[in-house]
PDB file of all heavy atoms in Angstrom:
ATOM      1  N   ARG A   1      -6.725   1.593  -6.074  1.00  0.00           N
ATOM      2  CA  ARG A   1      -7.373   2.373  -5.000  1.00  0.00           C
ATOM      3  C   ARG A   1      -6.318   3.109  -4.172  1.00  0.00           C
ATOM      4  O   ARG A   1      -6.487   4.276  -3.837  1.00  0.00           O
ATOM      5  CB  ARG A   1      -8.216   1.459  -4.122  1.00  0.00           C
ATOM      6  CG  ARG A   1      -8.894   2.132  -2.970  1.00  0.00           C
ATOM      7  CD  ARG A   1     -10.087   2.936  -3.416  1.00  0.00           C
ATOM      8  NE  ARG A   1     -10.827   3.381  -2.242  1.00  0.00           N
ATOM      9  CZ  ARG A   1     -11.245   4.610  -2.080  1.00  0.00           C
ATOM     10  NH1 ARG A   1     -11.077   5.511  -3.021  1.00  0.00           N
ATOM     11  NH2 ARG A   1     -11.889   4.944  -0.995  1.00  0.00           N
ATOM     12  N   LEU A   2      -5.238   2.429  -3.819  1.00  0.00           N
ATOM     13  CA  LEU A   2      -4.167   3.074  -3.053  1.00  0.00           C
ATOM     14  C   LEU A   2      -3.547   4.219  -3.848  1.00  0.00           C
ATOM     15  O   LEU A   2      -3.308   5.301  -3.310  1.00  0.00           O
ATOM     16  CB  LEU A   2      -3.104   2.050  -2.659  1.00  0.00           C
ATOM     17  CG  LEU A   2      -3.515   1.056  -1.567  1.00  0.00           C
ATOM     18  CD1 LEU A   2      -2.534  -0.091  -1.485  1.00  0.00           C
ATOM     19  CD2 LEU A   2      -3.661   1.753  -0.224  1.00  0.00           C
ATOM     20  N   GLU A   3      -3.291   4.001  -5.123  1.00  0.00           N
ATOM     21  CA  GLU A   3      -2.716   5.064  -5.948  1.00  0.00           C
ATOM     22  C   GLU A   3      -3.663   6.260  -6.057  1.00  0.00           C
ATOM     23  O   GLU A   3      -3.217   7.404  -6.061  1.00  0.00           O
ATOM     24  CB  GLU A   3      -2.358   4.515  -7.334  1.00  0.00           C
ATOM     25  CG  GLU A   3      -1.158   3.590  -7.272  1.00  0.00           C
ATOM     26  CD  GLU A   3      -0.800   2.957  -8.602  1.00  0.00           C
ATOM     27  OE1 GLU A   3      -1.671   2.866  -9.495  1.00  0.00           O
ATOM     28  OE2 GLU A   3       0.370   2.542  -8.736  1.00  0.00           O
ATOM     29  N   SER A   4      -4.958   5.999  -6.101  1.00  0.00           N
ATOM     30  CA  SER A   4      -5.929   7.101  -6.154  1.00  0.00           C
ATOM     31  C   SER A   4      -5.970   7.879  -4.846  1.00  0.00           C
ATOM     32  O   SER A   4      -6.446   9.006  -4.808  1.00  0.00           O
ATOM     33  CB  SER A   4      -7.323   6.575  -6.498  1.00  0.00           C
ATOM     34  OG  SER A   4      -7.922   5.947  -5.380  1.00  0.00           O
ATOM     35  N   ARG A   5      -5.456   7.276  -3.788  1.00  0.00           N
ATOM     36  CA  ARG A   5      -5.417   7.916  -2.470  1.00  0.00           C
ATOM     37  C   ARG A   5      -4.009   8.454  -2.181  1.00  0.00           C
ATOM     38  O   ARG A   5      -3.610   8.602  -1.037  1.00  0.00           O
ATOM     39  CB  ARG A   5      -5.879   6.939  -1.400  1.00  0.00           C
ATOM     40  CG  ARG A   5      -7.337   6.490  -1.633  1.00  0.00           C
ATOM     41  CD  ARG A   5      -7.842   5.515  -0.592  1.00  0.00           C
ATOM     42  NE  ARG A   5      -7.803   6.046   0.749  1.00  0.00           N
ATOM     43  CZ  ARG A   5      -8.658   6.929   1.263  1.00  0.00           C
ATOM     44  NH1 ARG A   5      -9.632   7.390   0.534  1.00  0.00           N
ATOM     45  NH2 ARG A   5      -8.545   7.329   2.509  1.00  0.00           N
ATOM     46  N   ASN A   6      -3.246   8.704  -3.247  1.00  0.00           N
ATOM     47  CA  ASN A   6      -1.919   9.325  -3.146  1.00  0.00           C
ATOM     48  C   ASN A   6      -0.887   8.438  -2.459  1.00  0.00           C
ATOM     49  O   ASN A   6      -0.023   8.918  -1.727  1.00  0.00           O
ATOM     50  CB  ASN A   6      -2.004  10.687  -2.465  1.00  0.00           C
ATOM     51  CG  ASN A   6      -0.806  11.558  -2.771  1.00  0.00           C
ATOM     52  OD1 ASN A   6      -0.270  11.496  -3.863  1.00  0.00           O
ATOM     53  ND2 ASN A   6      -0.388  12.349  -1.799  1.00  0.00           N
ATOM     54  N   CYS A   7      -0.951   7.136  -2.693  1.00  0.00           N
ATOM     55  CA  CYS A   7       0.032   6.194  -2.155  1.00  0.00           C
ATOM     56  C   CYS A   7       0.945   5.728  -3.284  1.00  0.00           C
ATOM     57  O   CYS A   7       0.519   5.600  -4.434  1.00  0.00           O
ATOM     58  CB  CYS A   7      -0.659   4.981  -1.536  1.00  0.00           C
ATOM     59  SG  CYS A   7      -1.691   5.378  -0.114  1.00  0.00           S
ATOM     60  N   THR A   8       2.218   5.490  -2.935  1.00  0.00           N
ATOM     61  CA  THR A   8       3.191   5.003  -3.901  1.00  0.00           C
ATOM     62  C   THR A   8       3.996   3.869  -3.284  1.00  0.00           C
ATOM     63  O   THR A   8       4.080   3.742  -2.058  1.00  0.00           O
ATOM     64  CB  THR A   8       4.160   6.118  -4.343  1.00  0.00           C
ATOM     65  OG1 THR A   8       4.889   6.582  -3.201  1.00  0.00           O
ATOM     66  CG2 THR A   8       3.420   7.280  -4.987  1.00  0.00           C
ATOM     67  N   ALA A   9       4.597   3.064  -4.162  1.00  0.00           N
ATOM     68  CA  ALA A   9       5.493   1.992  -3.718  1.00  0.00           C
ATOM     69  C   ALA A   9       6.616   1.848  -4.719  1.00  0.00           C
ATOM     70  O   ALA A   9       6.403   2.028  -5.928  1.00  0.00           O
ATOM     71  CB  ALA A   9       4.736   0.676  -3.586  1.00  0.00           C
ATOM     72  N   ASP A  10       7.811   1.541  -4.218  1.00  0.00           N
ATOM     73  CA  ASP A  10       8.916   1.226  -5.121  1.00  0.00           C
ATOM     74  C   ASP A  10       8.520   0.032  -5.991  1.00  0.00           C
ATOM     75  O   ASP A  10       8.802  -0.004  -7.173  1.00  0.00           O
ATOM     76  CB  ASP A  10      10.184   0.894  -4.347  1.00  0.00           C
ATOM     77  CG  ASP A  10      10.797   2.107  -3.675  1.00  0.00           C
ATOM     78  OD1 ASP A  10      10.491   3.254  -4.074  1.00  0.00           O
ATOM     79  OD2 ASP A  10      11.591   1.900  -2.734  1.00  0.00           O
ATOM     80  N   ASP A  11       7.875  -0.951  -5.360  1.00  0.00           N
ATOM     81  CA  ASP A  11       7.412  -2.147  -6.059  1.00  0.00           C
ATOM     82  C   ASP A  11       6.198  -2.678  -5.302  1.00  0.00           C
ATOM     83  O   ASP A  11       6.329  -3.137  -4.167  1.00  0.00           O
ATOM     84  CB  ASP A  11       8.523  -3.196  -6.098  1.00  0.00           C
ATOM     85  CG  ASP A  11       8.160  -4.426  -6.900  1.00  0.00           C
ATOM     86  OD1 ASP A  11       6.954  -4.657  -7.183  1.00  0.00           O
ATOM     87  OD2 ASP A  11       9.087  -5.173  -7.261  1.00  0.00           O
ATOM     88  N   TRP A  12       5.038  -2.615  -5.922  1.00  0.00           N
ATOM     89  CA  TRP A  12       3.815  -3.055  -5.237  1.00  0.00           C
ATOM     90  C   TRP A  12       3.877  -4.531  -4.863  1.00  0.00           C
ATOM     91  O   TRP A  12       3.171  -4.969  -3.948  1.00  0.00           O
ATOM     92  CB  TRP A  12       2.587  -2.765  -6.096  1.00  0.00           C
ATOM     93  CG  TRP A  12       2.218  -1.314  -6.125  1.00  0.00           C
ATOM     94  CD1 TRP A  12       2.292  -0.465  -7.196  1.00  0.00           C
ATOM     95  CD2 TRP A  12       1.712  -0.526  -5.035  1.00  0.00           C
ATOM     96  NE1 TRP A  12       1.878   0.799  -6.837  1.00  0.00           N
ATOM     97  CE2 TRP A  12       1.505   0.785  -5.511  1.00  0.00           C
ATOM     98  CE3 TRP A  12       1.423  -0.798  -3.696  1.00  0.00           C
ATOM     99  CZ2 TRP A  12       1.023   1.818  -4.712  1.00  0.00           C
ATOM    100  CZ3 TRP A  12       0.937   0.232  -2.904  1.00  0.00           C
ATOM    101  CH2 TRP A  12       0.746   1.518  -3.395  1.00  0.00           C
ATOM    102  N   ASN A  13       4.737  -5.321  -5.510  1.00  0.00           N
ATOM    103  CA  ASN A  13       4.881  -6.737  -5.146  1.00  0.00           C
ATOM    104  C   ASN A  13       5.519  -6.911  -3.775  1.00  0.00           C
ATOM    105  O   ASN A  13       5.435  -7.981  -3.179  1.00  0.00           O
ATOM    106  CB  ASN A  13       5.718  -7.482  -6.201  1.00  0.00           C
ATOM    107  CG  ASN A  13       4.978  -7.620  -7.502  1.00  0.00           C
ATOM    108  OD1 ASN A  13       3.805  -7.987  -7.515  1.00  0.00           O
ATOM    109  ND2 ASN A  13       5.636  -7.313  -8.601  1.00  0.00           N
ATOM    110  N   ASP A  14       6.178  -5.869  -3.276  1.00  0.00           N
ATOM    111  CA  ASP A  14       6.813  -5.917  -1.954  1.00  0.00           C
ATOM    112  C   ASP A  14       5.885  -5.449  -0.836  1.00  0.00           C
ATOM    113  O   ASP A  14       6.278  -5.440   0.328  1.00  0.00           O
ATOM    114  CB  ASP A  14       8.082  -5.065  -1.943  1.00  0.00           C
ATOM    115  CG  ASP A  14       9.173  -5.641  -2.830  1.00  0.00           C
ATOM    116  OD1 ASP A  14       9.173  -6.870  -3.062  1.00  0.00           O
ATOM    117  OD2 ASP A  14      10.023  -4.863  -3.297  1.00  0.00           O
ATOM    118  N   VAL A  15       4.680  -5.043  -1.190  1.00  0.00           N
ATOM    119  CA  VAL A  15       3.682  -4.641  -0.189  1.00  0.00           C
ATOM    120  C   VAL A  15       2.725  -5.809  -0.014  1.00  0.00           C
ATOM    121  O   VAL A  15       1.982  -6.176  -0.938  1.00  0.00           O
ATOM    122  CB  VAL A  15       2.925  -3.363  -0.621  1.00  0.00           C
ATOM    123  CG1 VAL A  15       1.880  -2.989   0.436  1.00  0.00           C
ATOM    124  CG2 VAL A  15       3.899  -2.219  -0.847  1.00  0.00           C
ATOM    125  N   LEU A  16       2.771  -6.417   1.163  1.00  0.00           N
ATOM    126  CA  LEU A  16       1.940  -7.578   1.473  1.00  0.00           C
ATOM    127  C   LEU A  16       0.890  -7.170   2.489  1.00  0.00           C
ATOM    128  O   LEU A  16       1.145  -6.332   3.361  1.00  0.00           O
ATOM    129  CB  LEU A  16       2.810  -8.707   2.010  1.00  0.00           C
ATOM    130  CG  LEU A  16       3.965  -9.127   1.097  1.00  0.00           C
ATOM    131  CD1 LEU A  16       4.874 -10.114   1.802  1.00  0.00           C
ATOM    132  CD2 LEU A  16       3.431  -9.714  -0.202  1.00  0.00           C
ATOM    133  N   VAL A  17      -0.286  -7.784   2.398  1.00  0.00           N
ATOM    134  CA  VAL A  17      -1.393  -7.381   3.265  1.00  0.00           C
ATOM    135  C   VAL A  17      -2.082  -8.593   3.884  1.00  0.00           C
ATOM    136  O   VAL A  17      -2.025  -9.700   3.341  1.00  0.00           O
ATOM    137  CB  VAL A  17      -2.426  -6.533   2.485  1.00  0.00           C
ATOM    138  CG1 VAL A  17      -1.796  -5.218   2.025  1.00  0.00           C
ATOM    139  CG2 VAL A  17      -3.005  -7.289   1.307  1.00  0.00           C
ATOM    140  N   ALA A  18      -2.744  -8.358   5.011  1.00  0.00           N
ATOM    141  CA  ALA A  18      -3.542  -9.393   5.655  1.00  0.00           C
ATOM    142  C   ALA A  18      -4.717  -9.759   4.755  1.00  0.00           C
ATOM    143  O   ALA A  18      -5.147  -8.975   3.903  1.00  0.00           O
ATOM    144  CB  ALA A  18      -4.051  -8.885   7.004  1.00  0.00           C
ATOM    145  N   GLU A  19      -5.247 -10.929   4.932  1.00  0.00           N
ATOM    146  CA  GLU A  19      -6.300 -11.449   4.053  1.00  0.00           C
ATOM    147  C   GLU A  19      -7.491 -10.504   3.913  1.00  0.00           C
ATOM    148  O   GLU A  19      -8.006 -10.302   2.831  1.00  0.00           O
ATOM    149  CB  GLU A  19      -6.774 -12.813   4.557  1.00  0.00           C
ATOM    150  CG  GLU A  19      -7.758 -13.484   3.631  1.00  0.00           C
ATOM    151  CD  GLU A  19      -7.206 -13.713   2.222  1.00  0.00           C
ATOM    152  OE1 GLU A  19      -6.022 -14.064   2.085  1.00  0.00           O
ATOM    153  OE2 GLU A  19      -7.980 -13.523   1.254  1.00  0.00           O
ATOM    154  N   ASN A  20      -7.948  -9.902   4.996  1.00  0.00           N
ATOM    155  CA  ASN A  20      -9.140  -9.044   4.951  1.00  0.00           C
ATOM    156  C   ASN A  20      -8.810  -7.555   4.799  1.00  0.00           C
ATOM    157  O   ASN A  20      -9.643  -6.706   5.109  1.00  0.00           O
ATOM    158  CB  ASN A  20      -9.990  -9.264   6.196  1.00  0.00           C
ATOM    159  CG  ASN A  20     -10.579 -10.660   6.217  1.00  0.00           C
ATOM    160  OD1 ASN A  20     -10.960 -11.199   5.185  1.00  0.00           O
ATOM    161  ND2 ASN A  20     -10.628 -11.271   7.390  1.00  0.00           N
ATOM    162  N   PHE A  21      -7.614  -7.252   4.326  1.00  0.00           N
ATOM    163  CA  PHE A  21      -7.195  -5.865   4.133  1.00  0.00           C
ATOM    164  C   PHE A  21      -8.126  -5.141   3.167  1.00  0.00           C
ATOM    165  O   PHE A  21      -8.542  -5.693   2.153  1.00  0.00           O
ATOM    166  CB  PHE A  21      -5.767  -5.831   3.576  1.00  0.00           C
ATOM    167  CG  PHE A  21      -5.299  -4.461   3.180  1.00  0.00           C
ATOM    168  CD1 PHE A  21      -4.794  -3.587   4.121  1.00  0.00           C
ATOM    169  CD2 PHE A  21      -5.365  -4.041   1.851  1.00  0.00           C
ATOM    170  CE1 PHE A  21      -4.352  -2.325   3.760  1.00  0.00           C
ATOM    171  CE2 PHE A  21      -4.929  -2.780   1.477  1.00  0.00           C
ATOM    172  CZ  PHE A  21      -4.423  -1.921   2.433  1.00  0.00           C
ATOM    173  N   ARG A  22      -8.432  -3.880   3.508  1.00  0.00           N
ATOM    174  CA  ARG A  22      -9.153  -2.962   2.621  1.00  0.00           C
ATOM    175  C   ARG A  22      -8.359  -1.663   2.593  1.00  0.00           C
ATOM    176  O   ARG A  22      -7.964  -1.158   3.648  1.00  0.00           O
ATOM    177  CB  ARG A  22     -10.566  -2.697   3.135  1.00  0.00           C
ATOM    178  CG  ARG A  22     -11.470  -3.897   2.999  1.00  0.00           C
ATOM    179  CD  ARG A  22     -12.895  -3.667   3.495  1.00  0.00           C
ATOM    180  NE  ARG A  22     -13.309  -2.289   3.487  1.00  0.00           N
ATOM    181  CZ  ARG A  22     -14.013  -1.705   4.467  1.00  0.00           C
ATOM    182  NH1 ARG A  22     -14.371  -2.388   5.523  1.00  0.00           N
ATOM    183  NH2 ARG A  22     -14.361  -0.453   4.378  1.00  0.00           N
ATOM    184  N   PRO A  23      -8.143  -1.072   1.419  1.00  0.00           N
ATOM    185  CA  PRO A  23      -7.307   0.125   1.313  1.00  0.00           C
ATOM    186  C   PRO A  23      -8.005   1.423   1.707  1.00  0.00           C
ATOM    187  O   PRO A  23      -7.419   2.489   1.601  1.00  0.00           O
ATOM    188  CB  PRO A  23      -6.935   0.143  -0.174  1.00  0.00           C
ATOM    189  CG  PRO A  23      -8.047  -0.575  -0.849  1.00  0.00           C
ATOM    190  CD  PRO A  23      -8.520  -1.613   0.123  1.00  0.00           C
ATOM    191  N   ASP A  24      -9.218   1.362   2.207  1.00  0.00           N
ATOM    192  CA  ASP A  24     -10.016   2.553   2.478  1.00  0.00           C
ATOM    193  C   ASP A  24      -9.404   3.499   3.506  1.00  0.00           C
ATOM    194  O   ASP A  24      -9.717   4.692   3.499  1.00  0.00           O
ATOM    195  CB  ASP A  24     -11.413   2.159   2.951  1.00  0.00           C
ATOM    196  CG  ASP A  24     -12.150   1.333   1.918  1.00  0.00           C
ATOM    197  OD1 ASP A  24     -11.803   1.417   0.722  1.00  0.00           O
ATOM    198  OD2 ASP A  24     -13.068   0.597   2.304  1.00  0.00           O
ATOM    199  N   TYR A  25      -8.577   3.006   4.401  1.00  0.00           N
ATOM    200  CA  TYR A  25      -8.028   3.843   5.462  1.00  0.00           C
ATOM    201  C   TYR A  25      -6.520   4.015   5.338  1.00  0.00           C
ATOM    202  O   TYR A  25      -5.821   4.214   6.329  1.00  0.00           O
ATOM    203  CB  TYR A  25      -8.418   3.282   6.829  1.00  0.00           C
ATOM    204  CG  TYR A  25      -9.914   3.321   7.019  1.00  0.00           C
ATOM    205  CD1 TYR A  25     -10.696   2.185   6.843  1.00  0.00           C
ATOM    206  CD2 TYR A  25     -10.550   4.518   7.318  1.00  0.00           C
ATOM    207  CE1 TYR A  25     -12.074   2.243   6.972  1.00  0.00           C
ATOM    208  CE2 TYR A  25     -11.927   4.584   7.442  1.00  0.00           C
ATOM    209  CZ  TYR A  25     -12.680   3.445   7.273  1.00  0.00           C
ATOM    210  OH  TYR A  25     -14.047   3.503   7.389  1.00  0.00           O
ATOM    211  N   VAL A  26      -6.023   3.954   4.110  1.00  0.00           N
ATOM    212  CA  VAL A  26      -4.618   4.210   3.826  1.00  0.00           C
ATOM    213  C   VAL A  26      -4.569   5.359   2.830  1.00  0.00           C
ATOM    214  O   VAL A  26      -5.169   5.288   1.765  1.00  0.00           O
ATOM    215  CB  VAL A  26      -3.920   2.965   3.247  1.00  0.00           C
ATOM    216  CG1 VAL A  26      -2.456   3.261   2.965  1.00  0.00           C
ATOM    217  CG2 VAL A  26      -4.063   1.779   4.191  1.00  0.00           C
ATOM    218  N   GLN A  27      -3.859   6.425   3.219  1.00  0.00           N
ATOM    219  CA  GLN A  27      -3.846   7.641   2.395  1.00  0.00           C
ATOM    220  C   GLN A  27      -2.495   8.328   2.500  1.00  0.00           C
ATOM    221  O   GLN A  27      -1.914   8.409   3.584  1.00  0.00           O
ATOM    222  CB  GLN A  27      -4.940   8.581   2.887  1.00  0.00           C
ATOM    223  CG  GLN A  27      -5.055   9.864   2.126  1.00  0.00           C
ATOM    224  CD  GLN A  27      -6.243  10.671   2.639  1.00  0.00           C
ATOM    225  OE1 GLN A  27      -7.266  10.138   3.041  1.00  0.00           O
ATOM    226  NE2 GLN A  27      -6.079  11.965   2.642  1.00  0.00           N
ATOM    227  N   SER A  28      -1.994   8.804   1.380  1.00  0.00           N
ATOM    228  CA  SER A  28      -0.733   9.566   1.322  1.00  0.00           C
ATOM    229  C   SER A  28       0.394   8.826   2.033  1.00  0.00           C
ATOM    230  O   SER A  28       1.042   9.348   2.935  1.00  0.00           O
ATOM    231  CB  SER A  28      -0.915  10.959   1.925  1.00  0.00           C
ATOM    232  OG  SER A  28      -1.884  11.676   1.188  1.00  0.00           O
ATOM    233  N   ALA A  29       0.641   7.586   1.570  1.00  0.00           N
ATOM    234  CA  ALA A  29       1.698   6.763   2.151  1.00  0.00           C
ATOM    235  C   ALA A  29       2.693   6.353   1.072  1.00  0.00           C
ATOM    236  O   ALA A  29       2.318   6.147  -0.080  1.00  0.00           O
ATOM    237  CB  ALA A  29       1.100   5.520   2.802  1.00  0.00           C
ATOM    238  N   GLU A  30       3.955   6.265   1.475  1.00  0.00           N
ATOM    239  CA  GLU A  30       5.009   5.761   0.597  1.00  0.00           C
ATOM    240  C   GLU A  30       5.523   4.459   1.191  1.00  0.00           C
ATOM    241  O   GLU A  30       5.790   4.381   2.389  1.00  0.00           O
ATOM    242  CB  GLU A  30       6.186   6.731   0.521  1.00  0.00           C
ATOM    243  CG  GLU A  30       5.922   8.009  -0.204  1.00  0.00           C
ATOM    244  CD  GLU A  30       7.168   8.889  -0.236  1.00  0.00           C
ATOM    245  OE1 GLU A  30       8.306   8.351  -0.317  1.00  0.00           O
ATOM    246  OE2 GLU A  30       7.002  10.109  -0.150  1.00  0.00           O
ATOM    247  N   PHE A  31       5.705   3.454   0.322  1.00  0.00           N
ATOM    248  CA  PHE A  31       6.179   2.147   0.759  1.00  0.00           C
ATOM    249  C   PHE A  31       7.474   1.805   0.036  1.00  0.00           C
ATOM    250  O   PHE A  31       7.536   1.805  -1.187  1.00  0.00           O
ATOM    251  CB  PHE A  31       5.125   1.079   0.471  1.00  0.00           C
ATOM    252  CG  PHE A  31       3.791   1.370   1.105  1.00  0.00           C
ATOM    253  CD1 PHE A  31       2.692   1.672   0.320  1.00  0.00           C
ATOM    254  CD2 PHE A  31       3.643   1.355   2.480  1.00  0.00           C
ATOM    255  CE1 PHE A  31       1.453   1.942   0.897  1.00  0.00           C
ATOM    256  CE2 PHE A  31       2.422   1.629   3.069  1.00  0.00           C
ATOM    257  CZ  PHE A  31       1.322   1.920   2.275  1.00  0.00           C
ATOM    258  N   HIS A  32       8.520   1.509   0.828  1.00  0.00           N
ATOM    259  CA  HIS A  32       9.830   1.138   0.303  1.00  0.00           C
ATOM    260  C   HIS A  32      10.239  -0.172   0.960  1.00  0.00           C
ATOM    261  O   HIS A  32       9.950  -0.406   2.131  1.00  0.00           O
ATOM    262  CB  HIS A  32      10.863   2.219   0.626  1.00  0.00           C
ATOM    263  CG  HIS A  32      10.452   3.578   0.141  1.00  0.00           C
ATOM    264  ND1 HIS A  32      10.663   4.002  -1.147  1.00  0.00           N
ATOM    265  CD2 HIS A  32       9.825   4.600   0.777  1.00  0.00           C
ATOM    266  CE1 HIS A  32      10.190   5.229  -1.289  1.00  0.00           C
ATOM    267  NE2 HIS A  32       9.670   5.618  -0.130  1.00  0.00           N
ATOM    268  N   GLY A  33      10.940  -1.015   0.228  1.00  0.00           N
ATOM    269  CA  GLY A  33      11.336  -2.302   0.768  1.00  0.00           C
ATOM    270  C   GLY A  33      10.115  -3.182   0.982  1.00  0.00           C
ATOM    271  O   GLY A  33       9.074  -2.977   0.363  1.00  0.00           O
ATOM    272  N   THR A  34      10.249  -4.154   1.867  1.00  0.00           N
ATOM    273  CA  THR A  34       9.129  -5.048   2.175  1.00  0.00           C
ATOM    274  C   THR A  34       8.275  -4.431   3.271  1.00  0.00           C
ATOM    275  O   THR A  34       8.774  -4.101   4.351  1.00  0.00           O
ATOM    276  CB  THR A  34       9.642  -6.423   2.631  1.00  0.00           C
ATOM    277  OG1 THR A  34      10.443  -6.977   1.595  1.00  0.00           O
ATOM    278  CG2 THR A  34       8.482  -7.356   2.947  1.00  0.00           C
ATOM    279  N   VAL A  35       6.996  -4.262   2.981  1.00  0.00           N
ATOM    280  CA  VAL A  35       6.057  -3.685   3.940  1.00  0.00           C
ATOM    281  C   VAL A  35       4.886  -4.640   4.082  1.00  0.00           C
ATOM    282  O   VAL A  35       4.334  -5.113   3.084  1.00  0.00           O
ATOM    283  CB  VAL A  35       5.561  -2.292   3.475  1.00  0.00           C
ATOM    284  CG1 VAL A  35       4.513  -1.752   4.419  1.00  0.00           C
ATOM    285  CG2 VAL A  35       6.728  -1.325   3.368  1.00  0.00           C
ATOM    286  N   LYS A  36       4.524  -4.941   5.320  1.00  0.00           N
ATOM    287  CA  LYS A  36       3.380  -5.813   5.609  1.00  0.00           C
ATOM    288  C   LYS A  36       2.339  -5.005   6.366  1.00  0.00           C
ATOM    289  O   LYS A  36       2.666  -4.360   7.362  1.00  0.00           O
ATOM    290  CB  LYS A  36       3.818  -7.022   6.440  1.00  0.00           C
ATOM    291  CG  LYS A  36       4.797  -7.913   5.698  1.00  0.00           C
ATOM    292  CD  LYS A  36       5.214  -9.088   6.560  1.00  0.00           C
ATOM    293  CE  LYS A  36       6.189  -9.978   5.811  1.00  0.00           C
ATOM    294  NZ  LYS A  36       6.622 -11.118   6.652  1.00  0.00           N
TER     295      LYS A  36
END
């Protein structure tokens, strides 16, 4: 879903989210390093 919304990550394993996270309001974002 994030990739379909133009989001990228160096490593998706380094992107951590809160338990009730929904990707609906994340768009055109780049994630590098550890991101919470």
